[in-house]
Amino acid sequence: MKFQALFFLLFLTCMYMSLAQGSYGNCCLGYVSTLRNRAKRNIESYRMQETDGDCNLRAVVFLLKKRATQAKPSTVCANPNKEWVQELMKTVENRMRAKN
């Protein structure tokens, strides 16, 4: 009986640890300082990452166009308090409005 309880406790601990490690899979952990002009032209959209839930860093996540050699589109994280980031957000919004 003691062995079963110990095994069950160990199993629950392992499950908890694996869930805790996977919680930052879609979060920005740092910022880029600048972006090249070519990368700025390849931005399709952006989203805001807030500090609620699993993510502990407020960021703007820019989604870059998918290249033929990539399996999925790239993302770039930037500081929303920087002036160049705010200007880039406006540019992307205007570009998205022009498409519609």
N, C-alpha and C. Protein backbone atom coordinates (compact mmCIF):
# COMPACT_ATOMS: atom_id res chain seq x y z
N MET A 1 0.82 -1.19 0.00
CA MET A 1 0.00 0.00 0.00
C MET A 1 0.86 1.26 0.00
N LYS A 2 1.92 1.27 0.81
CA LYS A 2 2.80 2.43 0.87
C LYS A 2 3.50 2.65 -0.47
N PHE A 3 3.87 1.54 -1.13
CA PHE A 3 4.54 1.66 -2.43
C PHE A 3 3.60 2.29 -3.45
N GLN A 4 2.33 1.92 -3.46
CA GLN A 4 1.36 2.47 -4.40
C GLN A 4 1.14 3.97 -4.15
N ALA A 5 1.06 4.35 -2.90
CA ALA A 5 0.89 5.77 -2.57
C ALA A 5 2.12 6.58 -2.99
N LEU A 6 3.30 6.03 -2.75
CA LEU A 6 4.53 6.70 -3.15
C LEU A 6 4.62 6.82 -4.66
N PHE A 7 4.26 5.74 -5.36
CA PHE A 7 4.28 5.76 -6.82
C PHE A 7 3.29 6.80 -7.35
N PHE A 8 2.10 6.85 -6.79
CA PHE A 8 1.08 7.81 -7.21
C PHE A 8 1.55 9.24 -6.97
N LEU A 9 2.17 9.50 -5.84
CA LEU A 9 2.69 10.83 -5.53
C LEU A 9 3.80 11.21 -6.50
N LEU A 10 4.68 10.30 -6.80
CA LEU A 10 5.76 10.54 -7.76
C LEU A 10 5.18 10.81 -9.15
N PHE A 11 4.18 10.06 -9.54
CA PHE A 11 3.53 10.26 -10.83
C PHE A 11 2.91 11.65 -10.92
N LEU A 12 2.19 12.07 -9.90
CA LEU A 12 1.58 13.41 -9.89
C LEU A 12 2.63 14.51 -9.94
N THR A 13 3.74 14.33 -9.25
CA THR A 13 4.83 15.31 -9.27
C THR A 13 5.41 15.44 -10.67
N CYS A 14 5.62 14.32 -11.35
CA CYS A 14 6.15 14.36 -12.71
C CYS A 14 5.18 15.05 -13.66
N MET A 15 3.90 14.77 -13.52
CA MET A 15 2.90 15.42 -14.37
C MET A 15 2.88 16.93 -14.14
N TYR A 16 2.96 17.34 -12.90
CA TYR A 16 2.97 18.76 -12.58
C TYR A 16 4.19 19.45 -13.19
N MET A 17 5.34 18.83 -13.09
CA MET A 17 6.57 19.41 -13.63
C MET A 17 6.51 19.53 -15.15
N SER A 18 5.96 18.55 -15.81
CA SER A 18 5.88 18.61 -17.27
C SER A 18 4.90 19.70 -17.71
N LEU A 19 3.83 19.90 -16.99
CA LEU A 19 2.90 20.98 -17.32
C LEU A 19 3.50 22.33 -17.05
N ALA A 20 4.27 22.47 -16.00
CA ALA A 20 4.90 23.75 -15.67
C ALA A 20 5.94 24.13 -16.71
N GLN A 21 6.66 23.18 -17.25
CA GLN A 21 7.68 23.48 -18.25
C GLN A 21 7.06 23.93 -19.55
N GLY A 22 5.90 23.43 -19.91
CA GLY A 22 5.27 23.76 -21.18
C GLY A 22 4.48 25.04 -21.16
N SER A 23 4.37 25.71 -20.05
CA SER A 23 3.51 26.87 -19.95
C SER A 23 4.06 28.11 -20.65
N TYR A 24 5.35 28.18 -20.93
CA TYR A 24 5.93 29.34 -21.59
C TYR A 24 6.13 29.13 -23.08
N GLY A 25 5.49 28.15 -23.65
CA GLY A 25 5.70 27.82 -25.06
C GLY A 25 5.32 28.92 -26.01
N ASN A 26 4.38 29.78 -25.68
CA ASN A 26 3.92 30.80 -26.60
C ASN A 26 4.13 32.21 -26.04
N CYS A 27 5.12 32.36 -25.17
CA CYS A 27 5.38 33.65 -24.53
C CYS A 27 6.71 34.23 -24.98
N CYS A 28 6.76 35.56 -25.03
CA CYS A 28 8.03 36.25 -25.29
C CYS A 28 8.82 36.28 -23.99
N LEU A 29 10.08 35.99 -24.09
CA LEU A 29 10.95 36.02 -22.92
C LEU A 29 11.94 37.18 -22.98
N GLY A 30 11.95 37.92 -24.08
CA GLY A 30 12.84 39.06 -24.24
C GLY A 30 12.42 39.89 -25.44
N TYR A 31 13.10 41.02 -25.63
CA TYR A 31 12.78 41.96 -26.70
C TYR A 31 13.93 42.04 -27.70
N VAL A 32 13.59 42.40 -28.95
CA VAL A 32 14.62 42.78 -29.91
C VAL A 32 14.85 44.28 -29.72
N SER A 33 16.06 44.73 -30.00
CA SER A 33 16.34 46.16 -29.84
C SER A 33 15.97 46.94 -31.10
N THR A 34 16.13 46.35 -32.27
CA THR A 34 15.76 46.97 -33.53
C THR A 34 15.34 45.90 -34.53
N LEU A 35 14.76 46.34 -35.63
CA LEU A 35 14.42 45.46 -36.74
C LEU A 35 14.97 46.05 -38.02
N ARG A 36 15.45 45.21 -38.90
CA ARG A 36 15.91 45.68 -40.20
C ARG A 36 14.71 46.10 -41.04
N ASN A 37 14.95 46.97 -42.02
CA ASN A 37 13.86 47.44 -42.87
C ASN A 37 13.19 46.29 -43.62
N ARG A 38 13.97 45.31 -44.04
CA ARG A 38 13.41 44.16 -44.75
C ARG A 38 12.43 43.39 -43.85
N ALA A 39 12.78 43.21 -42.61
CA ALA A 39 11.89 42.52 -41.67
C ALA A 39 10.64 43.35 -41.41
N LYS A 40 10.79 44.67 -41.33
CA LYS A 40 9.63 45.53 -41.11
C LYS A 40 8.63 45.42 -42.26
N ARG A 41 9.14 45.29 -43.48
CA ARG A 41 8.25 45.15 -44.64
C ARG A 41 7.54 43.80 -44.66
N ASN A 42 8.10 42.81 -44.01
CA ASN A 42 7.53 41.46 -44.03
C ASN A 42 6.58 41.18 -42.86
N ILE A 43 6.23 42.18 -42.10
CA ILE A 43 5.30 41.99 -40.99
C ILE A 43 3.88 41.92 -41.53
N GLU A 44 3.17 40.85 -41.17
CA GLU A 44 1.78 40.67 -41.59
C GLU A 44 0.80 41.26 -40.58
N SER A 45 1.08 41.02 -39.30
CA SER A 45 0.18 41.49 -38.25
C SER A 45 0.94 41.50 -36.93
N TYR A 46 0.23 41.87 -35.88
CA TYR A 46 0.83 41.85 -34.54
C TYR A 46 -0.26 41.56 -33.52
N ARG A 47 0.19 41.18 -32.35
CA ARG A 47 -0.73 41.00 -31.21
C ARG A 47 -0.01 41.49 -29.96
N MET A 48 -0.80 41.81 -28.97
CA MET A 48 -0.24 42.24 -27.69
C MET A 48 -0.16 41.04 -26.75
N GLN A 49 0.96 40.91 -26.09
CA GLN A 49 1.11 39.90 -25.04
C GLN A 49 1.05 40.63 -23.71
N GLU A 50 0.07 40.29 -22.92
CA GLU A 50 -0.08 40.92 -21.61
C GLU A 50 0.55 40.04 -20.54
N THR A 51 0.64 40.55 -19.34
CA THR A 51 1.30 39.83 -18.25
C THR A 51 0.34 38.95 -17.47
N ASP A 52 -0.83 38.70 -18.00
CA ASP A 52 -1.76 37.81 -17.31
C ASP A 52 -1.52 36.36 -17.76
N GLY A 53 -1.99 35.44 -16.99
CA GLY A 53 -1.83 34.03 -17.35
C GLY A 53 -0.40 33.55 -17.17
N ASP A 54 0.12 32.85 -18.16
CA ASP A 54 1.44 32.25 -18.07
C ASP A 54 2.58 33.19 -18.40
N CYS A 55 2.32 34.24 -19.15
CA CYS A 55 3.39 35.14 -19.62
C CYS A 55 3.63 36.25 -18.60
N ASN A 56 4.89 36.54 -18.34
CA ASN A 56 5.21 37.57 -17.35
C ASN A 56 5.93 38.76 -17.95
N LEU A 57 5.81 38.96 -19.26
CA LEU A 57 6.46 40.07 -19.94
C LEU A 57 5.47 40.69 -20.91
N ARG A 58 5.21 41.98 -20.76
CA ARG A 58 4.33 42.68 -21.70
C ARG A 58 5.11 42.94 -22.97
N ALA A 59 4.55 42.57 -24.12
CA ALA A 59 5.28 42.69 -25.38
C ALA A 59 4.32 42.83 -26.55
N VAL A 60 4.87 43.37 -27.65
CA VAL A 60 4.19 43.35 -28.94
C VAL A 60 4.81 42.21 -29.72
N VAL A 61 3.98 41.29 -30.20
CA VAL A 61 4.47 40.14 -30.96
C VAL A 61 4.13 40.37 -32.42
N PHE A 62 5.16 40.63 -33.23
CA PHE A 62 4.97 40.84 -34.66
C PHE A 62 5.05 39.50 -35.37
N LEU A 63 4.09 39.25 -36.27
CA LEU A 63 4.06 38.03 -37.07
C LEU A 63 4.61 38.34 -38.45
N LEU A 64 5.71 37.68 -38.80
CA LEU A 64 6.35 37.89 -40.10
C LEU A 64 5.80 36.91 -41.12
N LYS A 65 5.84 37.30 -42.39
CA LYS A 65 5.36 36.43 -43.46
C LYS A 65 6.16 35.14 -43.48
N LYS A 66 5.47 34.08 -43.79
CA LYS A 66 6.10 32.76 -43.86
C LYS A 66 6.93 32.65 -45.13
N ARG A 67 8.16 32.19 -44.97
CA ARG A 67 9.02 31.94 -46.12
C ARG A 67 8.83 30.51 -46.59
N ALA A 68 9.23 30.23 -47.81
CA ALA A 68 9.06 28.88 -48.38
C ALA A 68 9.83 27.83 -47.59
N THR A 69 10.92 28.22 -46.97
CA THR A 69 11.75 27.25 -46.24
C THR A 69 11.30 27.04 -44.80
N GLN A 70 10.32 27.79 -44.34
CA GLN A 70 9.87 27.70 -42.95
C GLN A 70 8.60 26.88 -42.84
N ALA A 71 8.49 26.15 -41.75
CA ALA A 71 7.28 25.38 -41.49
C ALA A 71 6.15 26.27 -40.99
N LYS A 72 6.51 27.31 -40.24
CA LYS A 72 5.49 28.23 -39.72
C LYS A 72 6.06 29.64 -39.73
N PRO A 73 5.20 30.65 -39.67
CA PRO A 73 5.68 32.04 -39.68
C PRO A 73 6.52 32.36 -38.45
N SER A 74 7.44 33.29 -38.61
CA SER A 74 8.29 33.72 -37.50
C SER A 74 7.60 34.81 -36.70
N THR A 75 7.99 34.92 -35.45
CA THR A 75 7.50 36.00 -34.60
C THR A 75 8.68 36.76 -34.03
N VAL A 76 8.46 38.04 -33.77
CA VAL A 76 9.47 38.91 -33.17
C VAL A 76 8.81 39.65 -32.03
N CYS A 77 9.45 39.68 -30.88
CA CYS A 77 8.91 40.35 -29.70
C CYS A 77 9.60 41.69 -29.50
N ALA A 78 8.80 42.72 -29.24
CA ALA A 78 9.35 44.06 -29.07
C ALA A 78 8.70 44.74 -27.86
N ASN A 79 9.42 45.71 -27.32
CA ASN A 79 8.96 46.46 -26.16
C ASN A 79 7.88 47.47 -26.58
N PRO A 80 6.66 47.35 -26.07
CA PRO A 80 5.59 48.26 -26.48
C PRO A 80 5.79 49.71 -26.04
N ASN A 81 6.71 49.96 -25.15
CA ASN A 81 6.96 51.32 -24.68
C ASN A 81 7.93 52.09 -25.58
N LYS A 82 8.59 51.40 -26.50
CA LYS A 82 9.55 52.06 -27.39
C LYS A 82 8.80 52.79 -28.51
N GLU A 83 9.31 53.95 -28.89
CA GLU A 83 8.66 54.77 -29.90
C GLU A 83 8.65 54.08 -31.27
N TRP A 84 9.75 53.42 -31.64
CA TRP A 84 9.80 52.78 -32.95
C TRP A 84 8.80 51.63 -33.05
N VAL A 85 8.51 50.99 -31.93
CA VAL A 85 7.54 49.89 -31.92
C VAL A 85 6.13 50.46 -32.13
N GLN A 86 5.82 51.54 -31.47
CA GLN A 86 4.50 52.16 -31.61
C GLN A 86 4.29 52.65 -33.04
N GLU A 87 5.33 53.22 -33.66
CA GLU A 87 5.23 53.67 -35.05
C GLU A 87 5.03 52.48 -35.98
N LEU A 88 5.73 51.40 -35.72
CA LEU A 88 5.60 50.21 -36.54
C LEU A 88 4.21 49.59 -36.41
N MET A 89 3.65 49.63 -35.22
CA MET A 89 2.29 49.14 -35.01
C MET A 89 1.30 49.94 -35.86
N LYS A 90 1.46 51.26 -35.89
CA LYS A 90 0.57 52.11 -36.71
C LYS A 90 0.74 51.79 -38.19
N THR A 91 1.98 51.59 -38.62
CA THR A 91 2.24 51.26 -40.02
C THR A 91 1.57 49.95 -40.41
N VAL A 92 1.67 48.96 -39.55
CA VAL A 92 1.06 47.65 -39.82
C VAL A 92 -0.46 47.79 -39.85
N GLU A 93 -1.03 48.55 -38.93
CA GLU A 93 -2.48 48.78 -38.94
C GLU A 93 -2.93 49.43 -40.23
N ASN A 94 -2.20 50.45 -40.69
CA ASN A 94 -2.55 51.13 -41.94
C ASN A 94 -2.45 50.18 -43.13
N ARG A 95 -1.42 49.34 -43.12
CA ARG A 95 -1.23 48.37 -44.20
C ARG A 95 -2.38 47.35 -44.21
N MET A 96 -2.83 46.93 -43.03
CA MET A 96 -3.93 45.97 -42.93
C MET A 96 -5.25 46.61 -43.39
N ARG A 97 -5.46 47.89 -43.06
CA ARG A 97 -6.67 48.59 -43.51
C ARG A 97 -6.68 48.74 -45.01
N ALA A 98 -5.52 49.00 -45.61
CA ALA A 98 -5.44 49.19 -47.06
C ALA A 98 -5.76 47.90 -47.81
N LYS A 99 -5.45 46.75 -47.22
CA LYS A 99 -5.75 45.46 -47.85
C LYS A 99 -7.24 45.19 -47.88
N ASN A 100 -7.94 45.66 -46.85
CA ASN A 100 -9.40 45.39 -46.76
C ASN A 100 -10.17 46.40 -47.49
